[in-house]
Amino acid sequence: MVGIGDTLDVAAAEHFTRPVPRSAQAQMRFLVRQLKGTRQVAELLGVTQRTVERYVKGQLKRPRHDLAEKLAAETRRRWQPRVRERARRQAAATGGIFVSTRARFGFTAAPGTSDDPRVRYINQALPPEYASRLFAAQDAGATERQLQAILAEGLGEMYFRDRNRRAEGLSVEFTDIQELELGY
């Protein structure tokens, strides 16, 4: 399953004005500066403090696959916070958020309608209030299920109910996310 929180971080990376550090040494140095110490970075990444020190000095250069992914994700999550915040404010105020997904959608609708869940490809722009709710929930530490519920509500209103102009009372379930791309 695709993580909505991680996908929001990837979407924020599109707004960066400088490239994110690529080498393990540069990423470690950045995290040590951000977290103000090697011990905090070691706890964050799940490695020893000595391992972090070796990467900072350049003694170690190629992290194992899982460490490389975690290192890149944590660096991207902390890179250019003011640029990220400006882009989020704009999306929450005027721009909205664009969702491109392949997922299983199920419905609770009036009797006699086809409410069997099925996989659909959907590309839909959501208004700024949903972007604002997603960002607020992510900042508050919401679970993936809670973020998924916000997206389901937004897609239900905009795609399936067409801003409540049709399919009144239709409740949408958004599960089994196979692909998800967000942009703002």
Protein backbone atom coordinates (compact mmCIF):
# COMPACT_ATOMS: atom_id res chain seq x y z
CA MET A 1 0.00 0.00 0.00
CA VAL A 2 1.20 3.48 -0.85
CA GLY A 3 1.69 5.88 2.09
CA ILE A 4 -0.22 9.14 1.77
CA GLY A 5 2.12 10.98 4.16
CA ASP A 6 5.16 9.92 2.14
CA THR A 7 3.43 10.92 -1.08
CA LEU A 8 2.77 14.40 0.37
CA ASP A 9 6.51 14.68 1.14
CA VAL A 10 7.38 13.70 -2.43
CA ALA A 11 4.92 16.31 -3.75
CA ALA A 12 6.60 18.96 -1.60
CA ALA A 13 9.96 18.06 -3.13
CA GLU A 14 8.74 19.40 -6.49
CA HIS A 15 8.85 22.93 -5.05
CA PHE A 16 12.45 22.85 -3.80
CA THR A 17 14.72 25.55 -5.19
CA ARG A 18 17.95 23.62 -4.56
CA PRO A 19 18.63 19.91 -5.07
CA VAL A 20 18.45 17.62 -2.06
CA PRO A 21 21.87 16.21 -1.03
CA ARG A 22 22.53 12.93 -2.84
CA SER A 23 25.55 11.32 -1.22
CA ALA A 24 25.25 9.51 2.10
CA GLN A 25 27.93 11.77 3.58
CA ALA A 26 26.13 14.97 2.57
CA GLN A 27 22.79 13.63 3.82
CA MET A 28 24.31 12.62 7.17
CA ARG A 29 26.00 16.00 7.58
CA PHE A 30 22.70 17.74 6.84
CA LEU A 31 20.81 15.63 9.38
CA VAL A 32 23.49 16.13 12.03
CA ARG A 33 23.19 19.91 11.55
CA GLN A 34 19.38 19.76 11.62
CA LEU A 35 19.10 17.52 14.68
CA LYS A 36 22.12 19.06 16.42
CA GLY A 37 24.06 15.88 17.11
CA THR A 38 25.03 12.43 15.95
CA ARG A 39 23.15 10.66 18.75
CA GLN A 40 19.79 12.06 17.60
CA VAL A 41 20.50 11.05 14.00
CA ALA A 42 21.53 7.56 15.10
CA GLU A 43 18.26 7.15 17.03
CA LEU A 44 16.26 8.47 14.10
CA LEU A 45 17.86 6.09 11.59
CA GLY A 46 18.20 3.09 13.89
CA VAL A 47 21.99 2.81 13.67
CA THR A 48 24.83 3.38 16.11
CA GLN A 49 26.27 6.79 16.82
CA ARG A 50 29.65 5.55 15.58
CA THR A 51 28.11 4.60 12.21
CA VAL A 52 26.77 8.14 11.81
CA GLU A 53 30.19 9.55 12.67
CA ARG A 54 31.82 7.31 10.04
CA TYR A 55 29.44 8.53 7.35
CA VAL A 56 30.05 12.16 8.34
CA LYS A 57 33.83 11.66 8.10
CA GLY A 58 33.50 9.84 4.77
CA GLN A 59 34.85 6.54 6.07
CA LEU A 60 31.63 4.81 5.03
CA LYS A 61 30.14 5.72 1.66
CA ARG A 62 27.49 3.20 0.62
CA PRO A 63 24.71 2.50 3.11
CA ARG A 64 22.70 -0.70 2.91
CA HIS A 65 19.46 -0.41 0.97
CA ASP A 66 17.05 0.12 3.89
CA LEU A 67 19.33 2.70 5.53
CA ALA A 68 19.79 4.53 2.21
CA GLU A 69 16.01 4.80 1.76
CA LYS A 70 15.45 6.00 5.33
CA LEU A 71 18.33 8.49 5.04
CA ALA A 72 16.99 9.92 1.79
CA ALA A 73 13.42 10.13 3.15
CA GLU A 74 14.46 11.90 6.37
CA THR A 75 16.68 14.32 4.44
CA ARG A 76 13.88 15.12 1.98
CA ARG A 77 11.40 15.54 4.86
CA ARG A 78 13.59 18.22 6.48
CA TRP A 79 14.96 19.93 3.34
CA GLN A 80 13.99 23.59 2.76
CA PRO A 81 11.19 23.89 5.33
CA ARG A 82 10.30 27.48 4.39
CA VAL A 83 9.90 26.63 0.70
CA ARG A 84 7.78 23.62 1.65
CA GLU A 85 5.63 25.72 3.99
CA ARG A 86 5.09 28.42 1.37
CA ALA A 87 3.92 25.83 -1.19
CA ARG A 88 1.60 24.23 1.39
CA ARG A 89 0.10 27.61 2.32
CA GLN A 90 -0.58 28.37 -1.33
CA ALA A 91 -2.21 24.97 -1.91
CA ALA A 92 -4.34 25.35 1.22
CA ALA A 93 -5.39 28.89 0.33
CA THR A 94 -5.91 28.97 -3.43
CA GLY A 95 -4.33 26.13 -5.38
CA GLY A 96 -5.79 22.95 -3.97
CA ILE A 97 -4.31 19.53 -4.50
CA PHE A 98 -4.31 17.18 -7.49
CA VAL A 99 -4.84 13.46 -6.92
CA SER A 100 -3.92 10.78 -9.42
CA THR A 101 -4.67 7.30 -8.11
CA ARG A 102 -5.40 3.71 -8.90
CA ALA A 103 -7.32 2.23 -6.01
CA ARG A 104 -10.33 0.17 -5.05
CA PHE A 105 -13.45 2.24 -4.53
CA GLY A 106 -16.58 0.91 -2.88
CA PHE A 107 -19.86 2.67 -2.26
CA THR A 108 -22.76 2.74 0.11
CA ALA A 109 -25.69 3.92 -1.98
CA ALA A 110 -29.41 3.56 -2.47
CA PRO A 111 -30.83 0.05 -2.92
CA GLY A 112 -30.77 -1.24 -6.48
CA THR A 113 -27.50 0.46 -7.44
CA SER A 114 -24.19 -1.21 -8.21
CA ASP A 115 -22.11 -0.71 -5.08
CA ASP A 116 -19.57 -3.48 -5.63
CA PRO A 117 -16.04 -2.22 -4.99
CA ARG A 118 -13.77 -2.13 -8.03
CA VAL A 119 -10.41 -0.72 -9.04
CA ARG A 120 -10.56 2.66 -10.78
CA TYR A 121 -8.06 5.10 -12.20
CA ILE A 122 -8.95 8.61 -11.07
CA ASN A 123 -7.31 11.97 -11.79
CA GLN A 124 -9.05 14.71 -9.86
CA ALA A 125 -8.30 18.18 -8.55
CA LEU A 126 -9.49 18.76 -5.00
CA PRO A 127 -10.31 22.24 -3.66
CA PRO A 128 -8.06 24.05 -1.17
CA GLU A 129 -10.07 23.01 1.89
CA TYR A 130 -9.08 19.36 1.37
CA ALA A 131 -5.42 20.34 0.96
CA SER A 132 -5.68 22.33 4.18
CA ARG A 133 -7.25 19.39 6.02
CA LEU A 134 -4.61 16.96 4.71
CA PHE A 135 -1.73 19.19 5.78
CA ALA A 136 -3.26 19.86 9.19
CA ALA A 137 -3.84 16.16 9.77
CA GLN A 138 -0.30 15.28 8.66
CA ASP A 139 1.17 17.92 10.99
CA ALA A 140 -0.96 16.60 13.86
CA GLY A 141 0.46 13.10 13.32
CA ALA A 142 -2.60 11.52 11.75
CA THR A 143 -2.51 7.87 10.78
CA GLU A 144 -2.60 6.69 7.17
CA ARG A 145 -6.22 5.62 7.71
CA GLN A 146 -7.19 9.17 8.75
CA LEU A 147 -5.41 10.71 5.75
CA GLN A 148 -7.10 8.11 3.55
CA ALA A 149 -10.50 9.14 4.94
CA ILE A 150 -9.87 12.79 4.05
CA LEU A 151 -8.91 11.85 0.48
CA ALA A 152 -11.95 9.55 0.22
CA GLU A 153 -14.23 12.36 1.32
CA GLY A 154 -12.69 14.77 -1.18
CA LEU A 155 -12.83 12.29 -4.07
CA GLY A 156 -16.39 11.37 -3.10
CA GLU A 157 -17.50 14.98 -3.21
CA MET A 158 -15.61 16.10 -6.31
CA TYR A 159 -15.52 12.99 -8.51
CA PHE A 160 -18.47 10.82 -7.58
CA ARG A 161 -21.04 13.37 -6.31
CA ASP A 162 -19.83 16.29 -8.47
CA ARG A 163 -20.06 18.82 -5.63
CA ASN A 164 -23.36 17.27 -4.50
CA ARG A 165 -25.05 17.81 -7.87
CA ARG A 166 -25.66 14.08 -8.29
CA ALA A 167 -25.61 10.79 -6.36
CA GLU A 168 -26.89 12.36 -3.17
CA GLY A 169 -26.08 10.35 -0.06
CA LEU A 170 -23.35 8.30 -1.76
CA SER A 171 -20.65 7.27 0.71
CA VAL A 172 -17.27 6.38 -0.81
CA GLU A 173 -14.73 3.88 0.55
CA PHE A 174 -11.16 4.38 -0.66
CA THR A 175 -9.12 1.21 -0.04
CA ASP A 176 -6.37 -0.94 -1.52
CA ILE A 177 -4.37 1.96 -2.95
CA GLN A 178 -2.13 0.60 -5.69
CA GLU A 179 -0.80 3.90 -7.08
CA LEU A 180 -1.01 7.39 -5.66
CA GLU A 181 0.48 10.64 -6.85
CA LEU A 182 -0.27 14.00 -5.29
CA GLY A 183 0.65 17.43 -6.55
CA TYR A 184 0.12 20.97 -5.34
